Structures are given as structure tokens and as C-alpha cells.
PDB file of N, CA and C in Angstrom:
ATOM      1  N   MET A   1       9.740 -22.369  -9.707  1.00  0.00           N
ATOM      2  CA  MET A   1      11.139 -22.062  -9.831  1.00  0.00           C
ATOM      3  C   MET A   1      11.979 -23.313 -10.004  1.00  0.00           C
ATOM      4  N   ALA A   2      11.493 -24.435  -9.522  1.00  0.00           N
ATOM      5  CA  ALA A   2      12.269 -25.674  -9.631  1.00  0.00           C
ATOM      6  C   ALA A   2      12.577 -26.014 -11.079  1.00  0.00           C
ATOM      7  N   GLU A   3      11.700 -25.607 -11.997  1.00  0.00           N
ATOM      8  CA  GLU A   3      11.963 -25.925 -13.393  1.00  0.00           C
ATOM      9  C   GLU A   3      13.146 -25.130 -13.956  1.00  0.00           C
ATOM     10  N   LEU A   4      13.642 -24.149 -13.227  1.00  0.00           N
ATOM     11  CA  LEU A   4      14.836 -23.407 -13.647  1.00  0.00           C
ATOM     12  C   LEU A   4      16.125 -24.153 -13.311  1.00  0.00           C
ATOM     13  N   ASN A   5      16.030 -25.179 -12.474  1.00  0.00           N
ATOM     14  CA  ASN A   5      17.212 -25.958 -12.107  1.00  0.00           C
ATOM     15  C   ASN A   5      17.737 -26.729 -13.314  1.00  0.00           C
ATOM     16  N   THR A   6      19.049 -26.833 -13.382  1.00  0.00           N
ATOM     17  CA  THR A   6      19.710 -27.646 -14.401  1.00  0.00           C
ATOM     18  C   THR A   6      20.776 -28.472 -13.703  1.00  0.00           C
ATOM     19  N   ALA A   7      21.490 -29.286 -14.449  1.00  0.00           N
ATOM     20  CA  ALA A   7      22.575 -30.073 -13.863  1.00  0.00           C
ATOM     21  C   ALA A   7      23.670 -29.167 -13.299  1.00  0.00           C
ATOM     22  N   ARG A   8      23.811 -27.963 -13.843  1.00  0.00           N
ATOM     23  CA  ARG A   8      24.873 -27.052 -13.413  1.00  0.00           C
ATOM     24  C   ARG A   8      24.375 -25.883 -12.581  1.00  0.00           C
ATOM     25  N   ARG A   9      23.058 -25.765 -12.380  1.00  0.00           N
ATOM     26  CA  ARG A   9      22.520 -24.610 -11.671  1.00  0.00           C
ATOM     27  C   ARG A   9      21.334 -25.038 -10.819  1.00  0.00           C
ATOM     28  N   ARG A  10      21.329 -24.546  -9.590  1.00  0.00           N
ATOM     29  CA  ARG A  10      20.190 -24.773  -8.703  1.00  0.00           C
ATOM     30  C   ARG A  10      19.637 -23.404  -8.299  1.00  0.00           C
ATOM     31  N   VAL A  11      18.356 -23.191  -8.541  1.00  0.00           N
ATOM     32  CA  VAL A  11      17.726 -21.910  -8.251  1.00  0.00           C
ATOM     33  C   VAL A  11      16.978 -22.014  -6.927  1.00  0.00           C
ATOM     34  N   ARG A  12      17.220 -21.051  -6.054  1.00  0.00           N
ATOM     35  CA  ARG A  12      16.540 -21.007  -4.762  1.00  0.00           C
ATOM     36  C   ARG A  12      15.993 -19.611  -4.539  1.00  0.00           C
ATOM     37  N   SER A  13      15.074 -19.495  -3.619  1.00  0.00           N
ATOM     38  CA  SER A  13      14.475 -18.207  -3.306  1.00  0.00           C
ATOM     39  C   SER A  13      14.275 -18.115  -1.801  1.00  0.00           C
ATOM     40  N   THR A  14      14.322 -16.929  -1.280  1.00  0.00           N
ATOM     41  CA  THR A  14      14.026 -16.713   0.124  1.00  0.00           C
ATOM     42  C   THR A  14      13.174 -15.458   0.253  1.00  0.00           C
ATOM     43  N   THR A  15      12.380 -15.410   1.278  1.00  0.00           N
ATOM     44  CA  THR A  15      11.524 -14.258   1.518  1.00  0.00           C
ATOM     45  C   THR A  15      11.705 -13.817   2.959  1.00  0.00           C
ATOM     46  N   GLY A  16      11.764 -12.545   3.176  1.00  0.00           N
ATOM     47  CA  GLY A  16      11.919 -12.030   4.533  1.00  0.00           C
ATOM     48  C   GLY A  16      10.974 -10.866   4.783  1.00  0.00           C
ATOM     49  N   TRP A  17      10.779 -10.539   6.029  1.00  0.00           N
ATOM     50  CA  TRP A  17       9.929  -9.418   6.393  1.00  0.00           C
ATOM     51  C   TRP A  17      10.290  -8.975   7.796  1.00  0.00           C
ATOM     52  N   LYS A  18       9.823  -7.800   8.162  1.00  0.00           N
ATOM     53  CA  LYS A  18      10.031  -7.279   9.505  1.00  0.00           C
ATOM     54  C   LYS A  18       9.163  -8.080  10.473  1.00  0.00           C
ATOM     55  N   ILE A  19       9.765  -8.574  11.535  1.00  0.00           N
ATOM     56  CA  ILE A  19       9.019  -9.344  12.534  1.00  0.00           C
ATOM     57  C   ILE A  19       8.337  -8.377  13.495  1.00  0.00           C
ATOM     58  N   THR A  20       7.047  -8.551  13.662  1.00  0.00           N
ATOM     59  CA  THR A  20       6.250  -7.692  14.541  1.00  0.00           C
ATOM     60  C   THR A  20       6.108  -8.337  15.920  1.00  0.00           C
ATOM     61  N   ALA A  21       5.527  -7.594  16.838  1.00  0.00           N
ATOM     62  CA  ALA A  21       5.258  -8.136  18.171  1.00  0.00           C
ATOM     63  C   ALA A  21       4.322  -9.337  18.082  1.00  0.00           C
ATOM     64  N   ALA A  22       3.350  -9.281  17.177  1.00  0.00           N
ATOM     65  CA  ALA A  22       2.427 -10.414  16.992  1.00  0.00           C
ATOM     66  C   ALA A  22       3.181 -11.639  16.480  1.00  0.00           C
ATOM     67  N   ASP A  23       4.148 -11.422  15.575  1.00  0.00           N
ATOM     68  CA  ASP A  23       4.975 -12.530  15.083  1.00  0.00           C
ATOM     69  C   ASP A  23       5.768 -13.150  16.234  1.00  0.00           C
ATOM     70  N   GLU A  24       6.391 -12.307  17.046  1.00  0.00           N
ATOM     71  CA  GLU A  24       7.180 -12.786  18.187  1.00  0.00           C
ATOM     72  C   GLU A  24       6.322 -13.629  19.124  1.00  0.00           C
ATOM     73  N   THR A  25       5.105 -13.183  19.375  1.00  0.00           N
ATOM     74  CA  THR A  25       4.191 -13.926  20.244  1.00  0.00           C
ATOM     75  C   THR A  25       3.855 -15.282  19.643  1.00  0.00           C
ATOM     76  N   ALA A  26       3.554 -15.303  18.349  1.00  0.00           N
ATOM     77  CA  ALA A  26       3.213 -16.562  17.670  1.00  0.00           C
ATOM     78  C   ALA A  26       4.397 -17.524  17.687  1.00  0.00           C
ATOM     79  N   ILE A  27       5.593 -17.017  17.459  1.00  0.00           N
ATOM     80  CA  ILE A  27       6.798 -17.857  17.481  1.00  0.00           C
ATOM     81  C   ILE A  27       7.013 -18.433  18.875  1.00  0.00           C
ATOM     82  N   ALA A  28       6.847 -17.605  19.895  1.00  0.00           N
ATOM     83  CA  ALA A  28       7.044 -18.060  21.276  1.00  0.00           C
ATOM     84  C   ALA A  28       6.044 -19.138  21.672  1.00  0.00           C
ATOM     85  N   GLN A  29       4.881 -19.159  21.035  1.00  0.00           N
ATOM     86  CA  GLN A  29       3.848 -20.136  21.370  1.00  0.00           C
ATOM     87  C   GLN A  29       3.995 -21.459  20.621  1.00  0.00           C
ATOM     88  N   LEU A  30       4.946 -21.534  19.689  1.00  0.00           N
ATOM     89  CA  LEU A  30       5.143 -22.797  18.970  1.00  0.00           C
ATOM     90  C   LEU A  30       5.615 -23.877  19.938  1.00  0.00           C
ATOM     91  N   PRO A  31       5.044 -25.068  19.867  1.00  0.00           N
ATOM     92  CA  PRO A  31       5.489 -26.152  20.749  1.00  0.00           C
ATOM     93  C   PRO A  31       6.879 -26.645  20.343  1.00  0.00           C
ATOM     94  N   GLU A  32       7.574 -27.234  21.267  1.00  0.00           N
ATOM     95  CA  GLU A  32       8.934 -27.732  21.031  1.00  0.00           C
ATOM     96  C   GLU A  32       8.996 -28.683  19.839  1.00  0.00           C
ATOM     97  N   HIS A  33       7.967 -29.527  19.674  1.00  0.00           N
ATOM     98  CA  HIS A  33       8.001 -30.508  18.580  1.00  0.00           C
ATOM     99  C   HIS A  33       7.845 -29.867  17.195  1.00  0.00           C
ATOM    100  N   ALA A  34       7.505 -28.575  17.135  1.00  0.00           N
ATOM    101  CA  ALA A  34       7.376 -27.887  15.843  1.00  0.00           C
ATOM    102  C   ALA A  34       8.739 -27.535  15.249  1.00  0.00           C
ATOM    103  N   TRP A  35       9.771 -27.547  16.075  1.00  0.00           N
ATOM    104  CA  TRP A  35      11.107 -27.130  15.644  1.00  0.00           C
ATOM    105  C   TRP A  35      11.915 -28.319  15.144  1.00  0.00           C
ATOM    106  N   GLU A  36      12.658 -28.095  14.052  1.00  0.00           N
ATOM    107  CA  GLU A  36      13.526 -29.119  13.466  1.00  0.00           C
ATOM    108  C   GLU A  36      14.921 -28.542  13.275  1.00  0.00           C
ATOM    109  N   SER A  37      15.906 -29.411  13.184  1.00  0.00           N
ATOM    110  CA  SER A  37      17.271 -28.961  12.926  1.00  0.00           C
ATOM    111  C   SER A  37      17.338 -28.257  11.578  1.00  0.00           C
ATOM    112  N   SER A  38      18.129 -27.212  11.522  1.00  0.00           N
ATOM    113  CA  SER A  38      18.298 -26.501  10.249  1.00  0.00           C
ATOM    114  C   SER A  38      19.487 -27.082   9.493  1.00  0.00           C
ATOM    115  N   LEU A  39      19.573 -26.728   8.225  1.00  0.00           N
ATOM    116  CA  LEU A  39      20.645 -27.236   7.371  1.00  0.00           C
ATOM    117  C   LEU A  39      21.690 -26.165   7.105  1.00  0.00           C
ATOM    118  N   LYS A  40      22.922 -26.600   6.991  1.00  0.00           N
ATOM    119  CA  LYS A  40      24.002 -25.718   6.547  1.00  0.00           C
ATOM    120  C   LYS A  40      23.919 -25.589   5.032  1.00  0.00           C
ATOM    121  N   GLN A  41      24.723 -24.693   4.462  1.00  0.00           N
ATOM    122  CA  GLN A  41      24.701 -24.503   3.014  1.00  0.00           C
ATOM    123  C   GLN A  41      25.076 -25.767   2.260  1.00  0.00           C
ATOM    124  N   ASP A  42      25.890 -26.636   2.869  1.00  0.00           N
ATOM    125  CA  ASP A  42      26.290 -27.865   2.174  1.00  0.00           C
ATOM    126  C   ASP A  42      25.272 -28.991   2.350  1.00  0.00           C
ATOM    127  N   GLY A  43      24.160 -28.707   3.023  1.00  0.00           N
ATOM    128  CA  GLY A  43      23.097 -29.690   3.174  1.00  0.00           C
ATOM    129  C   GLY A  43      23.196 -30.549   4.420  1.00  0.00           C
ATOM    130  N   THR A  44      24.262 -30.403   5.205  1.00  0.00           N
ATOM    131  CA  THR A  44      24.389 -31.165   6.445  1.00  0.00           C
ATOM    132  C   THR A  44      23.657 -30.436   7.573  1.00  0.00           C
ATOM    133  N   LEU A  45      23.284 -31.194   8.594  1.00  0.00           N
ATOM    134  CA  LEU A  45      22.549 -30.618   9.717  1.00  0.00           C
ATOM    135  C   LEU A  45      23.453 -29.788  10.613  1.00  0.00           C
ATOM    136  N   HIS A  46      22.898 -28.677  11.116  1.00  0.00           N
ATOM    137  CA  HIS A  46      23.577 -27.945  12.185  1.00  0.00           C
ATOM    138  C   HIS A  46      23.502 -28.834  13.423  1.00  0.00           C
ATOM    139  N   GLU A  47      24.588 -28.951  14.140  1.00  0.00           N
ATOM    140  CA  GLU A  47      24.638 -29.843  15.305  1.00  0.00           C
ATOM    141  C   GLU A  47      24.489 -29.091  16.626  1.00  0.00           C
ATOM    142  N   ASP A  48      24.026 -27.840  16.590  1.00  0.00           N
ATOM    143  CA  ASP A  48      23.898 -27.089  17.835  1.00  0.00           C
ATOM    144  C   ASP A  48      22.421 -26.868  18.181  1.00  0.00           C
ATOM    145  N   ASP A  49      22.188 -26.334  19.363  1.00  0.00           N
ATOM    146  CA  ASP A  49      20.816 -26.089  19.820  1.00  0.00           C
ATOM    147  C   ASP A  49      20.297 -24.712  19.412  1.00  0.00           C
ATOM    148  N   HIS A  50      21.098 -23.939  18.688  1.00  0.00           N
ATOM    149  CA  HIS A  50      20.723 -22.569  18.352  1.00  0.00           C
ATOM    150  C   HIS A  50      20.322 -22.400  16.892  1.00  0.00           C
ATOM    151  N   SER A  51      20.292 -23.475  16.145  1.00  0.00           N
ATOM    152  CA  SER A  51      19.941 -23.407  14.720  1.00  0.00           C
ATOM    153  C   SER A  51      18.784 -24.355  14.454  1.00  0.00           C
ATOM    154  N   ALA A  52      17.588 -23.800  14.397  1.00  0.00           N
ATOM    155  CA  ALA A  52      16.398 -24.620  14.172  1.00  0.00           C
ATOM    156  C   ALA A  52      15.416 -23.847  13.306  1.00  0.00           C
ATOM    157  N   VAL A  53      14.513 -24.576  12.690  1.00  0.00           N
ATOM    158  CA  VAL A  53      13.475 -23.967  11.860  1.00  0.00           C
ATOM    159  C   VAL A  53      12.122 -24.537  12.252  1.00  0.00           C
ATOM    160  N   ALA A  54      11.095 -23.740  12.035  1.00  0.00           N
ATOM    161  CA  ALA A  54       9.719 -24.182  12.261  1.00  0.00           C
ATOM    162  C   ALA A  54       8.849 -23.485  11.229  1.00  0.00           C
ATOM    163  N   GLU A  55       7.766 -24.128  10.860  1.00  0.00           N
ATOM    164  CA  GLU A  55       6.839 -23.519   9.913  1.00  0.00           C
ATOM    165  C   GLU A  55       5.704 -22.882  10.686  1.00  0.00           C
ATOM    166  N   LEU A  56       5.491 -21.622  10.430  1.00  0.00           N
ATOM    167  CA  LEU A  56       4.424 -20.874  11.086  1.00  0.00           C
ATOM    168  C   LEU A  56       3.484 -20.380   9.995  1.00  0.00           C
ATOM    169  N   THR A  57       2.284 -20.915   9.965  1.00  0.00           N
ATOM    170  CA  THR A  57       1.328 -20.551   8.919  1.00  0.00           C
ATOM    171  C   THR A  57       0.106 -19.906   9.541  1.00  0.00           C
ATOM    172  N   GLY A  58      -0.663 -19.267   8.722  1.00  0.00           N
ATOM    173  CA  GLY A  58      -1.879 -18.628   9.194  1.00  0.00           C
ATOM    174  C   GLY A  58      -1.917 -17.185   8.740  1.00  0.00           C
ATOM    175  N   PRO A  59      -2.948 -16.491   9.147  1.00  0.00           N
ATOM    176  CA  PRO A  59      -3.099 -15.108   8.680  1.00  0.00           C
ATOM    177  C   PRO A  59      -2.006 -14.207   9.241  1.00  0.00           C
ATOM    178  N   SER A  60      -1.323 -13.551   8.349  1.00  0.00           N
ATOM    179  CA  SER A  60      -0.307 -12.573   8.716  1.00  0.00           C
ATOM    180  C   SER A  60      -0.418 -11.440   7.705  1.00  0.00           C
ATOM    181  N   ARG A  61      -1.094 -10.421   8.057  1.00  0.00           N
ATOM    182  CA  ARG A  61      -1.348  -9.325   7.116  1.00  0.00           C
ATOM    183  C   ARG A  61      -0.186  -8.335   7.140  1.00  0.00           C
ATOM    184  N   ARG A  62       0.236  -7.942   5.964  1.00  0.00           N
ATOM    185  CA  ARG A  62       1.315  -6.972   5.813  1.00  0.00           C
ATOM    186  C   ARG A  62       0.827  -5.834   4.922  1.00  0.00           C
ATOM    187  N   GLU A  63       1.177  -4.647   5.293  1.00  0.00           N
ATOM    188  CA  GLU A  63       0.838  -3.487   4.464  1.00  0.00           C
ATOM    189  C   GLU A  63       1.664  -3.528   3.196  1.00  0.00           C
ATOM    190  N   GLY A  64       1.079  -3.082   2.093  1.00  0.00           N
ATOM    191  CA  GLY A  64       1.823  -2.969   0.846  1.00  0.00           C
ATOM    192  C   GLY A  64       1.724  -4.169   0.061  1.00  0.00           C
TER     193      GLY A  64
END
């Protein structure tokens, strides 16, 4: 998708899904150092303790 970017247009994508009990458990088990500050739409960091992101990888099977 990055090749769709131009000087006047930036293309982004997001994916979402229903969080299951197994997802909640996996998220709760992430260590503190896995979390990083999230970004606002203008690219600056959120300065609060309630906006963070972490990458959770591994097998996550979804129907459909």
C-alpha cells in the first residue's frame, strides 16, 4: 500500500476484530516493556498513561 502514497496523499490501513477472552488473557500477560507510547493523528506522542500500543503476534484463529 505504501506505493499508493504521493506527495499529496498518504494511504493507511487498519484492521480490527472482536476481542475474545483468549485475546484479553494474552494482552494481560504482556510485560510492561512491550508497551510503547501511541501517536496522535498529527504524529506527536500521547503524553498520558492511557494511550499505549503493543504488538501481539502468534496464532490467533478466526472463523471466516
